[in-house]
């Protein structure tokens, strides 16, 4: 694992890169942007970030400037930032063939239900986004409090896998 500019680089992957991975990027940036450089991407990115995700992030005090749906190919080509950690946050991205990531980053699956798939009233959709946000925030808080510099690779991988199981 390498450290770039004294920060770990983290990529959150999902299929559409419009909700879960965007939430994760914003949460990690807000909680520990001094120690982690967060990115998000999707295998089949949407044309825009889900408006419910943006509204919720604004309500929670996140800076949404620059958040956009982007393809994971941006991070697999020459010149892209080298990743230290990659987390898949939806089952569809977990089953897909991911690009070969330079530097062999540590990977884990943190799957969760897609709030953008909820069919119902706007209030029901907001509740789904809030639940997803809360779960992602809990997982990220556990992650950023791991003693990353002292864990063995196997211990770290086990810890990251367990975080993905946290409800």
C-alpha atoms as a PDB file:
ATOM      1  CA  UNK A   1       0.000   0.000   0.000  1.00  0.00           C
ATOM      2  CA  UNK A   2       1.323   3.391  -0.878  1.00  0.00           C
ATOM      3  CA  UNK A   3       0.573   6.763   0.598  1.00  0.00           C
ATOM      4  CA  UNK A   4       0.193   9.684  -1.783  1.00  0.00           C
ATOM      5  CA  UNK A   5       0.717  13.181  -0.404  1.00  0.00           C
ATOM      6  CA  UNK A   6       0.327  11.666   3.094  1.00  0.00           C
ATOM      7  CA  UNK A   7      -3.185  10.529   2.176  1.00  0.00           C
ATOM      8  CA  UNK A   8      -4.701   7.160   1.396  1.00  0.00           C
ATOM      9  CA  UNK A   9      -6.632   7.147  -1.874  1.00  0.00           C
ATOM     10  CA  UNK A  10     -10.040   5.468  -1.829  1.00  0.00           C
ATOM     11  CA  UNK A  11     -12.408   4.634  -4.684  1.00  0.00           C
ATOM     12  CA  UNK A  12     -16.051   3.743  -4.048  1.00  0.00           C
ATOM     13  CA  UNK A  13     -17.573   1.780  -6.933  1.00  0.00           C
ATOM     14  CA  UNK A  14     -21.165   1.192  -7.882  1.00  0.00           C
ATOM     15  CA  UNK A  15     -22.995   0.617 -11.108  1.00  0.00           C
ATOM     16  CA  UNK A  16     -24.589   4.028 -11.702  1.00  0.00           C
ATOM     17  CA  UNK A  17     -22.394   6.268  -9.521  1.00  0.00           C
ATOM     18  CA  UNK A  18     -25.395   8.419  -8.701  1.00  0.00           C
ATOM     19  CA  UNK A  19     -26.263   7.562  -5.088  1.00  0.00           C
ATOM     20  CA  UNK A  20     -24.375   5.145  -2.767  1.00  0.00           C
ATOM     21  CA  UNK A  21     -20.870   5.721  -4.104  1.00  0.00           C
ATOM     22  CA  UNK A  22     -21.477   9.482  -4.272  1.00  0.00           C
ATOM     23  CA  UNK A  23     -22.666   9.479  -0.652  1.00  0.00           C
ATOM     24  CA  UNK A  24     -19.558   7.532   0.363  1.00  0.00           C
ATOM     25  CA  UNK A  25     -17.214   9.915  -1.461  1.00  0.00           C
ATOM     26  CA  UNK A  26     -18.794  12.928   0.250  1.00  0.00           C
ATOM     27  CA  UNK A  27     -18.901  11.327   3.705  1.00  0.00           C
ATOM     28  CA  UNK A  28     -15.263  10.225   3.654  1.00  0.00           C
ATOM     29  CA  UNK A  29     -14.179  13.630   2.374  1.00  0.00           C
ATOM     30  CA  UNK A  30     -16.050  15.396   5.179  1.00  0.00           C
ATOM     31  CA  UNK A  31     -14.978  13.042   7.974  1.00  0.00           C
ATOM     32  CA  UNK A  32     -11.331  12.550   7.075  1.00  0.00           C
ATOM     33  CA  UNK A  33     -10.404  14.514   3.975  1.00  0.00           C
ATOM     34  CA  UNK A  34      -7.083  15.366   5.563  1.00  0.00           C
ATOM     35  CA  UNK A  35      -6.089  11.661   5.636  1.00  0.00           C
ATOM     36  CA  UNK A  36      -8.064  10.220   2.726  1.00  0.00           C
ATOM     37  CA  UNK A  37      -8.621  11.346  -0.853  1.00  0.00           C
ATOM     38  CA  UNK A  38     -12.039   9.955  -1.784  1.00  0.00           C
ATOM     39  CA  UNK A  39     -13.315   9.239  -5.273  1.00  0.00           C
ATOM     40  CA  UNK A  40     -16.353   7.469  -6.676  1.00  0.00           C
ATOM     41  CA  UNK A  41     -17.164   5.911 -10.015  1.00  0.00           C
ATOM     42  CA  UNK A  42     -19.490   3.498 -11.744  1.00  0.00           C
ATOM     43  CA  UNK A  43     -19.353   0.757 -14.318  1.00  0.00           C
ATOM     44  CA  UNK A  44     -22.316   2.327 -16.139  1.00  0.00           C
ATOM     45  CA  UNK A  45     -22.548   5.862 -14.734  1.00  0.00           C
ATOM     46  CA  UNK A  46     -25.785   7.796 -14.894  1.00  0.00           C
ATOM     47  CA  UNK A  47     -25.894  11.126 -16.644  1.00  0.00           C
ATOM     48  CA  UNK A  48     -26.226  12.945 -13.316  1.00  0.00           C
ATOM     49  CA  UNK A  49     -26.054  12.493  -9.564  1.00  0.00           C
ATOM     50  CA  UNK A  50     -29.394  11.541  -8.034  1.00  0.00           C
ATOM     51  CA  UNK A  51     -31.108  14.748  -6.805  1.00  0.00           C
ATOM     52  CA  UNK A  52     -32.178  13.035  -3.543  1.00  0.00           C
ATOM     53  CA  UNK A  53     -28.501  12.263  -2.845  1.00  0.00           C
ATOM     54  CA  UNK A  54     -27.472  15.859  -3.487  1.00  0.00           C
ATOM     55  CA  UNK A  55     -30.308  17.257  -1.356  1.00  0.00           C
ATOM     56  CA  UNK A  56     -29.432  14.971   1.555  1.00  0.00           C
ATOM     57  CA  UNK A  57     -25.730  15.786   1.337  1.00  0.00           C
ATOM     58  CA  UNK A  58     -26.482  19.514   1.384  1.00  0.00           C
ATOM     59  CA  UNK A  59     -28.777  19.046   4.399  1.00  0.00           C
ATOM     60  CA  UNK A  60     -25.955  17.216   6.200  1.00  0.00           C
ATOM     61  CA  UNK A  61     -23.524  20.052   5.515  1.00  0.00           C
ATOM     62  CA  UNK A  62     -21.482  18.417   2.752  1.00  0.00           C
ATOM     63  CA  UNK A  63     -19.881  20.365  -0.050  1.00  0.00           C
ATOM     64  CA  UNK A  64     -21.392  18.927  -3.236  1.00  0.00           C
ATOM     65  CA  UNK A  65     -19.263  21.040  -5.566  1.00  0.00           C
ATOM     66  CA  UNK A  66     -17.666  18.824  -8.153  1.00  0.00           C
ATOM     67  CA  UNK A  67     -19.675  15.692  -7.370  1.00  0.00           C
ATOM     68  CA  UNK A  68     -20.562  14.019 -10.656  1.00  0.00           C
ATOM     69  CA  UNK A  69     -21.313  10.589 -12.060  1.00  0.00           C
ATOM     70  CA  UNK A  70     -18.200   9.226 -13.702  1.00  0.00           C
ATOM     71  CA  UNK A  71     -16.961   6.007 -15.238  1.00  0.00           C
ATOM     72  CA  UNK A  72     -14.485   3.782 -13.485  1.00  0.00           C
ATOM     73  CA  UNK A  73     -12.378   3.947 -16.646  1.00  0.00           C
ATOM     74  CA  UNK A  74     -11.249   7.394 -15.437  1.00  0.00           C
ATOM     75  CA  UNK A  75      -9.424   5.600 -12.634  1.00  0.00           C
ATOM     76  CA  UNK A  76      -8.045   2.634 -14.574  1.00  0.00           C
ATOM     77  CA  UNK A  77      -6.154   4.497 -17.271  1.00  0.00           C
ATOM     78  CA  UNK A  78      -2.564   5.751 -17.225  1.00  0.00           C
ATOM     79  CA  UNK A  79      -2.119   8.919 -15.190  1.00  0.00           C
ATOM     80  CA  UNK A  80      -5.061   8.226 -12.899  1.00  0.00           C
ATOM     81  CA  UNK A  81      -4.492   8.394  -9.144  1.00  0.00           C
ATOM     82  CA  UNK A  82      -3.179   5.108  -7.737  1.00  0.00           C
ATOM     83  CA  UNK A  83      -5.739   3.666  -5.336  1.00  0.00           C
ATOM     84  CA  UNK A  84      -4.923   2.258  -1.925  1.00  0.00           C
ATOM     85  CA  UNK A  85      -8.465   1.012  -1.248  1.00  0.00           C
ATOM     86  CA  UNK A  86     -11.418   0.153  -3.472  1.00  0.00           C
ATOM     87  CA  UNK A  87     -14.872  -0.565  -2.046  1.00  0.00           C
ATOM     88  CA  UNK A  88     -17.809  -1.855  -4.062  1.00  0.00           C
ATOM     89  CA  UNK A  89     -21.016  -0.572  -2.496  1.00  0.00           C
ATOM     90  CA  UNK A  90     -23.654  -2.358  -4.568  1.00  0.00           C
ATOM     91  CA  UNK A  91     -24.145  -5.984  -5.516  1.00  0.00           C
ATOM     92  CA  UNK A  92     -24.172  -5.309  -9.254  1.00  0.00           C
ATOM     93  CA  UNK A  93     -20.696  -3.752  -9.204  1.00  0.00           C
ATOM     94  CA  UNK A  94     -19.446  -6.564  -6.957  1.00  0.00           C
ATOM     95  CA  UNK A  95     -20.369  -9.173  -9.603  1.00  0.00           C
ATOM     96  CA  UNK A  96     -18.946  -7.265 -12.554  1.00  0.00           C
ATOM     97  CA  UNK A  97     -15.453  -7.703 -13.908  1.00  0.00           C
ATOM     98  CA  UNK A  98     -13.534  -4.734 -12.593  1.00  0.00           C
ATOM     99  CA  UNK A  99     -10.631  -3.211 -14.461  1.00  0.00           C
ATOM    100  CA  UNK A 100      -7.115  -4.194 -13.471  1.00  0.00           C
ATOM    101  CA  UNK A 101      -6.193  -1.611 -10.874  1.00  0.00           C
ATOM    102  CA  UNK A 102      -2.551  -0.546 -10.850  1.00  0.00           C
ATOM    103  CA  UNK A 103      -0.723  -1.142  -7.589  1.00  0.00           C
ATOM    104  CA  UNK A 104      -3.035  -3.943  -6.355  1.00  0.00           C
ATOM    105  CA  UNK A 105      -5.183  -1.859  -3.975  1.00  0.00           C
ATOM    106  CA  UNK A 106      -6.900  -3.456  -0.999  1.00  0.00           C
ATOM    107  CA  UNK A 107     -10.510  -4.221  -1.990  1.00  0.00           C
ATOM    108  CA  UNK A 108     -13.661  -5.067  -0.069  1.00  0.00           C
ATOM    109  CA  UNK A 109     -17.384  -5.299  -0.728  1.00  0.00           C
ATOM    110  CA  UNK A 110     -19.667  -3.018   1.295  1.00  0.00           C
ATOM    111  CA  UNK A 111     -22.939  -3.774  -0.513  1.00  0.00           C
ATOM    112  CA  UNK A 112     -26.179  -2.127   0.467  1.00  0.00           C
ATOM    113  CA  UNK A 113     -29.637  -1.559  -0.982  1.00  0.00           C
ATOM    114  CA  UNK A 114     -29.960   1.079  -3.678  1.00  0.00           C
ATOM    115  CA  UNK A 115     -32.001   4.028  -2.393  1.00  0.00           C
ATOM    116  CA  UNK A 116     -32.410   5.241  -5.992  1.00  0.00           C
ATOM    117  CA  UNK A 117     -34.364   2.062  -6.763  1.00  0.00           C
ATOM    118  CA  UNK A 118     -37.067   2.831  -4.188  1.00  0.00           C
ATOM    119  CA  UNK A 119     -40.467   3.312  -5.766  1.00  0.00           C
ATOM    120  CA  UNK A 120     -42.818   5.419  -3.715  1.00  0.00           C
ATOM    121  CA  UNK A 121     -43.445   8.923  -2.518  1.00  0.00           C
ATOM    122  CA  UNK A 122     -40.698  11.506  -2.240  1.00  0.00           C
ATOM    123  CA  UNK A 123     -40.871  11.063   1.540  1.00  0.00           C
ATOM    124  CA  UNK A 124     -40.278   7.307   1.191  1.00  0.00           C
ATOM    125  CA  UNK A 125     -37.342   7.962  -1.146  1.00  0.00           C
ATOM    126  CA  UNK A 126     -35.842  10.461   1.305  1.00  0.00           C
ATOM    127  CA  UNK A 127     -36.105   7.877   4.093  1.00  0.00           C
ATOM    128  CA  UNK A 128     -34.284   5.326   1.924  1.00  0.00           C
ATOM    129  CA  UNK A 129     -31.497   7.807   1.192  1.00  0.00           C
ATOM    130  CA  UNK A 130     -31.250   8.722   4.887  1.00  0.00           C
ATOM    131  CA  UNK A 131     -30.909   5.036   5.871  1.00  0.00           C
ATOM    132  CA  UNK A 132     -28.250   4.472   3.226  1.00  0.00           C
ATOM    133  CA  UNK A 133     -26.383   7.590   4.343  1.00  0.00           C
ATOM    134  CA  UNK A 134     -26.475   6.494   7.995  1.00  0.00           C
ATOM    135  CA  UNK A 135     -25.192   2.990   7.199  1.00  0.00           C
ATOM    136  CA  UNK A 136     -22.440   4.316   4.950  1.00  0.00           C
ATOM    137  CA  UNK A 137     -21.401   6.880   7.559  1.00  0.00           C
ATOM    138  CA  UNK A 138     -21.194   4.185  10.271  1.00  0.00           C
ATOM    139  CA  UNK A 139     -19.035   1.988   8.034  1.00  0.00           C
ATOM    140  CA  UNK A 140     -16.757   4.854   7.074  1.00  0.00           C
ATOM    141  CA  UNK A 141     -16.367   5.919  10.713  1.00  0.00           C
ATOM    142  CA  UNK A 142     -15.234   2.394  11.601  1.00  0.00           C
ATOM    143  CA  UNK A 143     -12.878   2.369   8.609  1.00  0.00           C
ATOM    144  CA  UNK A 144     -11.189   5.697   9.350  1.00  0.00           C
ATOM    145  CA  UNK A 145     -10.609   4.632  12.951  1.00  0.00           C
ATOM    146  CA  UNK A 146      -8.725   1.465  11.991  1.00  0.00           C
ATOM    147  CA  UNK A 147      -5.011   1.580  12.818  1.00  0.00           C
ATOM    148  CA  UNK A 148      -4.147   1.293   9.116  1.00  0.00           C
ATOM    149  CA  UNK A 149      -0.409   1.635   9.636  1.00  0.00           C
ATOM    150  CA  UNK A 150      -0.155  -1.187  12.171  1.00  0.00           C
ATOM    151  CA  UNK A 151      -2.459  -3.916  10.830  1.00  0.00           C
ATOM    152  CA  UNK A 152      -1.096  -6.784   8.782  1.00  0.00           C
ATOM    153  CA  UNK A 153      -2.505  -7.076   5.276  1.00  0.00           C
ATOM    154  CA  UNK A 154      -4.619 -10.085   6.303  1.00  0.00           C
ATOM    155  CA  UNK A 155      -5.925  -8.371   9.446  1.00  0.00           C
ATOM    156  CA  UNK A 156      -6.773  -5.274   7.438  1.00  0.00           C
ATOM    157  CA  UNK A 157      -8.577  -7.295   4.777  1.00  0.00           C
ATOM    158  CA  UNK A 158     -10.568  -9.114   7.469  1.00  0.00           C
ATOM    159  CA  UNK A 159     -11.454  -5.815   9.127  1.00  0.00           C
ATOM    160  CA  UNK A 160     -12.588  -4.269   5.826  1.00  0.00           C
ATOM    161  CA  UNK A 161     -14.714  -7.332   5.060  1.00  0.00           C
ATOM    162  CA  UNK A 162     -16.325  -7.159   8.507  1.00  0.00           C
ATOM    163  CA  UNK A 163     -17.108  -3.481   8.025  1.00  0.00           C
ATOM    164  CA  UNK A 164     -19.032  -4.453   4.885  1.00  0.00           C
ATOM    165  CA  UNK A 165     -21.189  -6.740   7.015  1.00  0.00           C
ATOM    166  CA  UNK A 166     -21.953  -4.030   9.586  1.00  0.00           C
ATOM    167  CA  UNK A 167     -25.618  -3.137   9.695  1.00  0.00           C
END
